[in-house]
Amino acid sequence: MAKTILVITNAYEEGNCSLEKAHDIAAPLGAEIDVVRFITDANGRDDNTITSQTEALKASLNSIFQDYEQKDSIKSQVVMTEDVAQWVVEYCEHNDFDLIIKAGHRSESLFHTPCDWQLIRNLSIPVLIASQQRWKCKHVVMAAVNPKSTDDVHHELNKSILEWTQKWAQTFDAELHIVYSIPVSNVLKQLDVVDVREYERKHRGEAEQQLAALLSDFDLPNVHMHITAGPPEKTIPHWADELKAELVIMGSMGRQGIKGLLIGNLAEKVMHNLRTDSLIVENTAITAKLG
């Protein structure tokens, strides 16, 4: 599990969402915490703004982390920049972080990539995009995997997802669900060539064997397995709603450039429809320190 956490916040973040989530995660772990609050031109660039935001951030930290044994070791700073994502990427190159926490941002459009998407695409560190929803004492965690993929890249991605899932379940005693969405061609579905429910029934047996084989290498007691069919960007948010999941763990291939713009990243498409926290694990994050 994460030992060193970078928390990204801003001057107008609602309810100190990212700090609250950092407290919930770090408290049982005794993790080191580094908090950065960002100011842009829209917030003003005078010295008074930096001073007031620095004081406000310290006040928030003192309030939220008042019961945290290592609160005196929490690092914090206020930074002025117009490119938050680039600043974070460069900062991470010179520091050793195991997890990044950031409040969700939902202003995506075809020609604009939000900061959280840029972080997911450009960092090999797992990123937790936090919602305003607070966790229950025994919260529900859902992980999305694809056991059908056999190439090395997807194999390592599945492994990394399940390693995080296992550690999360053990640390927080969470109710755990694993979802596998059997892919169905959108073209065939739109042409009514495929009955999705019949397709799911036909392939369920094979899918259950593939999922069971994937999970056999991990200590996931009392895990609930769910097999569905259809586009993951719809089925995963649907199951998250059905299960009342408070955290969804999934992988990202980190597509960038023109390919990322035109094809997109499946994790980003899923995130667009999620109402809960998302922990995004990159395929290059397989060496992350999980404790």
Protein backbone atom coordinates (compact mmCIF):
# COMPACT_ATOMS: atom_id res chain seq x y z
CA MET A 1 0.00 0.00 0.00
CA ALA A 2 1.05 3.62 -0.46
CA LYS A 3 3.76 4.92 1.87
CA THR A 4 4.40 8.36 0.39
CA ILE A 5 1.40 10.34 -0.85
CA LEU A 6 1.35 13.48 -2.98
CA VAL A 7 -1.87 15.45 -2.52
CA ILE A 8 -2.87 17.95 -5.19
CA THR A 9 -5.33 20.64 -4.17
CA ASN A 10 -6.40 24.10 -5.27
CA ALA A 11 -7.72 27.29 -3.76
CA TYR A 12 -11.38 26.58 -4.52
CA GLU A 13 -11.59 22.83 -3.99
CA GLU A 14 -14.96 21.98 -2.47
CA GLY A 15 -14.80 20.65 1.07
CA ASN A 16 -11.05 19.94 1.01
CA CYS A 17 -11.96 16.70 -0.75
CA SER A 18 -8.41 15.59 -1.58
CA LEU A 19 -7.14 16.31 1.95
CA GLU A 20 -10.02 14.38 3.52
CA LYS A 21 -9.31 11.37 1.33
CA ALA A 22 -5.58 11.61 2.07
CA HIS A 23 -6.39 11.51 5.79
CA ASP A 24 -8.61 8.44 5.37
CA ILE A 25 -5.89 6.61 3.44
CA ALA A 26 -2.84 7.73 5.39
CA ALA A 27 -4.28 7.30 8.89
CA PRO A 28 -4.08 3.47 9.00
CA LEU A 29 -0.75 3.47 7.16
CA GLY A 30 1.31 6.15 8.83
CA ALA A 31 2.16 7.39 5.35
CA GLU A 32 4.28 10.43 4.56
CA ILE A 33 2.24 13.24 3.03
CA ASP A 34 3.29 16.05 0.69
CA VAL A 35 0.56 18.60 -0.09
CA VAL A 36 0.71 21.11 -2.95
CA ARG A 37 -1.95 23.79 -3.38
CA PHE A 38 -1.99 25.46 -6.80
CA ILE A 39 -2.83 29.03 -7.75
CA THR A 40 -3.37 30.17 -11.34
CA ASP A 41 -3.81 33.61 -12.89
CA ALA A 42 -7.52 33.38 -12.21
CA ASN A 43 -6.76 33.28 -8.48
CA GLY A 44 -4.50 36.34 -8.59
CA ARG A 45 -0.72 36.47 -8.49
CA ASP A 46 0.15 38.93 -5.73
CA ASP A 47 2.08 38.08 -2.60
CA ASN A 48 -1.02 38.52 -0.44
CA THR A 49 -2.71 35.68 -2.32
CA ILE A 50 0.19 33.32 -1.65
CA THR A 51 0.30 34.32 2.01
CA SER A 52 -3.44 33.92 2.52
CA GLN A 53 -3.53 30.56 0.72
CA THR A 54 -0.53 29.31 2.70
CA GLU A 55 -2.27 30.20 5.95
CA ALA A 56 -5.56 28.69 4.78
CA LEU A 57 -3.83 25.46 3.77
CA LYS A 58 -2.08 25.15 7.12
CA ALA A 59 -5.37 25.75 8.92
CA SER A 60 -7.04 23.01 6.87
CA LEU A 61 -4.21 20.59 7.57
CA ASN A 62 -4.34 21.30 11.30
CA SER A 63 -8.08 20.69 11.35
CA ILE A 64 -8.25 17.59 9.13
CA PHE A 65 -5.11 15.90 10.47
CA GLN A 66 -5.48 16.84 14.13
CA ASP A 67 -5.65 13.14 15.11
CA TYR A 68 -2.82 12.10 12.77
CA GLU A 69 0.27 10.96 14.69
CA GLN A 70 2.66 12.22 12.01
CA LYS A 71 0.93 15.54 11.32
CA ASP A 72 4.07 17.51 12.19
CA SER A 73 5.92 15.79 9.34
CA ILE A 74 3.37 16.77 6.66
CA LYS A 75 4.98 18.91 3.98
CA SER A 76 2.96 21.66 2.29
CA GLN A 77 3.50 24.44 -0.21
CA VAL A 78 1.55 26.85 -2.38
CA VAL A 79 2.62 27.03 -6.04
CA MET A 80 1.73 29.46 -8.81
CA THR A 81 1.61 27.89 -12.27
CA GLU A 82 -0.55 27.81 -15.36
CA ASP A 83 0.32 24.17 -16.10
CA VAL A 84 -0.44 22.11 -13.02
CA ALA A 85 0.02 18.75 -14.75
CA GLN A 86 3.47 19.60 -16.11
CA TRP A 87 4.57 20.95 -12.73
CA VAL A 88 3.44 17.73 -11.03
CA VAL A 89 5.14 15.53 -13.63
CA GLU A 90 8.45 17.37 -13.14
CA TYR A 91 8.03 17.32 -9.35
CA CYS A 92 7.49 13.56 -9.41
CA GLU A 93 10.66 13.09 -11.45
CA HIS A 94 12.66 14.42 -8.48
CA ASN A 95 10.62 12.85 -5.67
CA ASP A 96 9.60 9.31 -4.81
CA PHE A 97 5.81 9.04 -4.51
CA ASP A 98 3.70 5.87 -4.31
CA LEU A 99 0.29 7.47 -4.80
CA ILE A 100 -1.18 10.76 -5.99
CA ILE A 101 -4.52 12.05 -4.72
CA LYS A 102 -6.45 14.75 -6.56
CA ALA A 103 -10.06 15.91 -6.47
CA GLY A 104 -11.90 15.07 -9.68
CA HIS A 105 -12.24 17.59 -12.47
CA ARG A 106 -15.01 17.16 -15.02
CA SER A 107 -14.65 19.77 -17.78
CA GLU A 108 -13.46 17.52 -20.58
CA SER A 109 -14.08 18.29 -24.25
CA LEU A 110 -12.63 16.96 -27.48
CA PHE A 111 -9.88 19.57 -27.69
CA HIS A 112 -9.13 19.99 -24.01
CA THR A 113 -7.62 17.35 -21.73
CA PRO A 114 -8.31 18.05 -18.03
CA CYS A 115 -5.46 18.02 -15.55
CA ASP A 116 -6.44 14.67 -14.05
CA TRP A 117 -6.38 13.02 -17.48
CA GLN A 118 -2.97 14.51 -18.21
CA LEU A 119 -1.65 13.10 -14.94
CA ILE A 120 -3.00 9.65 -15.76
CA ARG A 121 -1.43 9.73 -19.22
CA ASN A 122 1.97 11.08 -18.18
CA LEU A 123 2.71 9.47 -14.82
CA SER A 124 3.56 5.89 -13.91
CA ILE A 125 2.38 6.54 -10.35
CA PRO A 126 -1.14 5.37 -9.46
CA VAL A 127 -3.56 8.31 -9.31
CA LEU A 128 -6.64 8.44 -7.09
CA ILE A 129 -9.24 10.84 -8.47
CA ALA A 130 -11.39 11.66 -5.44
CA SER A 131 -15.09 12.46 -5.41
CA GLN A 132 -17.00 14.36 -2.73
CA GLN A 133 -18.43 11.08 -1.43
CA ARG A 134 -17.19 10.02 2.01
CA TRP A 135 -16.37 6.38 2.71
CA LYS A 136 -18.40 4.23 5.06
CA CYS A 137 -16.67 2.43 7.93
CA LYS A 138 -16.57 -0.73 5.78
CA HIS A 139 -16.53 0.68 2.30
CA VAL A 140 -17.17 -1.14 -0.96
CA VAL A 141 -14.30 -1.52 -3.43
CA MET A 142 -14.73 -2.66 -7.02
CA ALA A 143 -11.88 -3.62 -9.36
CA ALA A 144 -12.22 -3.99 -13.14
CA VAL A 145 -9.95 -6.48 -14.93
CA ASN A 146 -9.71 -8.19 -18.32
CA PRO A 147 -8.52 -11.80 -17.83
CA LYS A 148 -8.96 -12.60 -21.52
CA SER A 149 -5.91 -10.55 -22.51
CA THR A 150 -2.81 -12.75 -22.56
CA ASP A 151 -0.08 -10.40 -23.80
CA ASP A 152 2.60 -9.35 -21.31
CA VAL A 153 1.48 -5.72 -21.06
CA HIS A 154 -2.12 -6.56 -20.13
CA HIS A 155 -0.95 -9.40 -17.88
CA GLU A 156 1.20 -7.01 -15.86
CA LEU A 157 -1.60 -4.44 -15.82
CA ASN A 158 -4.05 -7.00 -14.40
CA LYS A 159 -1.42 -8.01 -11.85
CA SER A 160 -0.87 -4.43 -10.74
CA ILE A 161 -4.62 -3.80 -10.43
CA LEU A 162 -5.09 -6.89 -8.28
CA GLU A 163 -2.04 -6.14 -6.12
CA TRP A 164 -3.53 -2.78 -5.26
CA THR A 165 -6.94 -4.37 -4.76
CA GLN A 166 -5.53 -6.99 -2.41
CA LYS A 167 -3.60 -4.45 -0.35
CA TRP A 168 -6.60 -2.11 -0.21
CA ALA A 169 -8.92 -4.87 0.98
CA GLN A 170 -6.45 -6.02 3.63
CA THR A 171 -5.75 -2.51 4.92
CA PHE A 172 -9.32 -1.23 5.05
CA ASP A 173 -11.26 -4.49 5.49
CA ALA A 174 -13.36 -3.46 2.51
CA GLU A 175 -16.16 -5.39 0.83
CA LEU A 176 -14.56 -6.48 -2.43
CA HIS A 177 -16.02 -7.00 -5.91
CA ILE A 178 -14.24 -7.91 -9.16
CA VAL A 179 -15.95 -7.11 -12.46
CA TYR A 180 -15.08 -8.52 -15.87
CA SER A 181 -16.91 -6.99 -18.81
CA ILE A 182 -16.85 -9.32 -21.81
CA PRO A 183 -16.18 -7.04 -24.79
CA VAL A 184 -18.86 -6.80 -27.47
CA SER A 185 -18.29 -4.98 -30.74
CA ASN A 186 -20.24 -1.71 -30.76
CA VAL A 187 -20.76 -2.06 -34.51
CA LEU A 188 -22.35 -5.51 -34.15
CA LYS A 189 -24.45 -4.31 -31.24
CA GLN A 190 -25.72 -1.26 -33.13
CA LEU A 191 -26.59 -3.42 -36.12
CA ASP A 192 -28.52 -5.78 -33.82
CA VAL A 193 -26.25 -8.61 -34.93
CA VAL A 194 -25.52 -9.47 -31.29
CA ASP A 195 -28.01 -9.91 -28.44
CA VAL A 196 -25.86 -8.75 -25.51
CA ARG A 197 -27.69 -10.81 -22.90
CA GLU A 198 -27.50 -13.95 -25.02
CA TYR A 199 -23.84 -13.23 -25.76
CA GLU A 200 -23.18 -12.94 -22.02
CA ARG A 201 -24.94 -16.24 -21.27
CA LYS A 202 -23.05 -17.99 -24.06
CA HIS A 203 -19.62 -16.83 -22.89
CA ARG A 204 -20.21 -16.72 -19.11
CA GLY A 205 -18.73 -20.16 -18.38
CA GLU A 206 -15.48 -19.42 -20.19
CA ALA A 207 -15.30 -15.94 -18.64
CA GLU A 208 -15.76 -17.32 -15.11
CA GLN A 209 -12.90 -19.78 -15.67
CA GLN A 210 -10.63 -17.03 -17.00
CA LEU A 211 -11.45 -14.74 -14.07
CA ALA A 212 -11.02 -17.50 -11.47
CA ALA A 213 -7.63 -18.41 -12.97
CA LEU A 214 -6.52 -14.78 -12.80
CA LEU A 215 -7.61 -14.38 -9.17
CA SER A 216 -6.04 -17.67 -8.03
CA ASP A 217 -2.64 -16.02 -7.51
CA PHE A 218 -4.03 -13.43 -5.10
CA ASP A 219 -5.26 -13.60 -1.53
CA LEU A 220 -8.76 -12.18 -1.98
CA PRO A 221 -11.04 -13.95 0.53
CA ASN A 222 -14.80 -13.47 0.22
CA VAL A 223 -14.39 -11.68 -3.10
CA HIS A 224 -17.54 -11.34 -5.21
CA MET A 225 -17.09 -11.96 -8.95
CA HIS A 226 -19.36 -10.35 -11.54
CA ILE A 227 -19.48 -11.20 -15.24
CA THR A 228 -21.19 -8.84 -17.66
CA ALA A 229 -21.01 -7.98 -21.37
CA GLY A 230 -20.91 -4.77 -23.32
CA PRO A 231 -18.75 -1.65 -23.59
CA PRO A 232 -16.78 -1.24 -20.31
CA GLU A 233 -17.32 2.53 -20.29
CA LYS A 234 -20.99 1.71 -19.65
CA THR A 235 -20.91 -1.61 -17.81
CA ILE A 236 -18.30 -0.63 -15.21
CA PRO A 237 -20.14 2.55 -14.07
CA HIS A 238 -23.39 0.54 -14.07
CA TRP A 239 -21.93 -2.07 -11.71
CA ALA A 240 -20.36 0.64 -9.56
CA ASP A 241 -23.83 2.13 -9.10
CA GLU A 242 -25.44 -1.27 -8.51
CA LEU A 243 -22.89 -2.25 -5.87
CA LYS A 244 -22.74 1.25 -4.35
CA ALA A 245 -18.97 1.10 -4.74
CA GLU A 246 -17.03 3.94 -3.14
CA LEU A 247 -13.81 3.16 -5.00
CA VAL A 248 -13.23 1.69 -8.46
CA ILE A 249 -9.75 0.35 -9.22
CA MET A 250 -8.84 -0.03 -12.88
CA GLY A 251 -5.91 0.13 -15.26
CA SER A 252 -4.87 2.58 -17.93
CA MET A 253 -2.72 2.13 -21.01
CA GLY A 254 -1.81 5.83 -20.90
CA ARG A 255 -2.39 6.66 -24.59
CA GLN A 256 -0.94 10.02 -25.54
CA GLY A 257 -0.70 12.28 -28.57
CA ILE A 258 -2.98 11.99 -31.61
CA LYS A 259 -3.76 8.34 -30.87
CA GLY A 260 -4.95 9.27 -27.40
CA LEU A 261 -7.00 12.18 -28.76
CA LEU A 262 -8.79 10.14 -31.42
CA ILE A 263 -9.04 6.71 -29.78
CA GLY A 264 -9.07 7.83 -26.20
CA ASN A 265 -8.22 5.84 -23.13
CA LEU A 266 -10.73 3.34 -21.78
CA ALA A 267 -10.09 4.42 -18.18
CA GLU A 268 -10.91 8.00 -19.14
CA LYS A 269 -14.14 6.94 -20.82
CA VAL A 270 -15.14 4.98 -17.71
CA MET A 271 -14.22 7.89 -15.42
CA HIS A 272 -16.49 10.19 -17.40
CA ASN A 273 -19.48 8.11 -16.26
CA LEU A 274 -18.38 7.32 -12.70
CA ARG A 275 -19.73 9.09 -9.62
CA THR A 276 -17.24 7.62 -7.20
CA ASP A 277 -13.51 7.59 -6.44
CA SER A 278 -11.25 6.10 -9.09
CA LEU A 279 -7.81 4.58 -8.53
CA ILE A 280 -6.06 4.45 -11.89
CA VAL A 281 -3.06 2.14 -12.20
CA GLU A 282 -0.79 2.49 -15.23
CA ASN A 283 0.69 -0.52 -16.99
CA THR A 284 4.11 1.00 -16.23
CA ALA A 285 3.32 1.15 -12.50
CA ILE A 286 4.07 -2.50 -11.86
CA THR A 287 7.09 -1.63 -9.76
CA ALA A 288 5.10 0.64 -7.43
CA LYS A 289 5.98 0.16 -3.78
CA LEU A 290 2.99 -1.45 -2.19
CA GLY A 291 4.55 -2.01 1.22
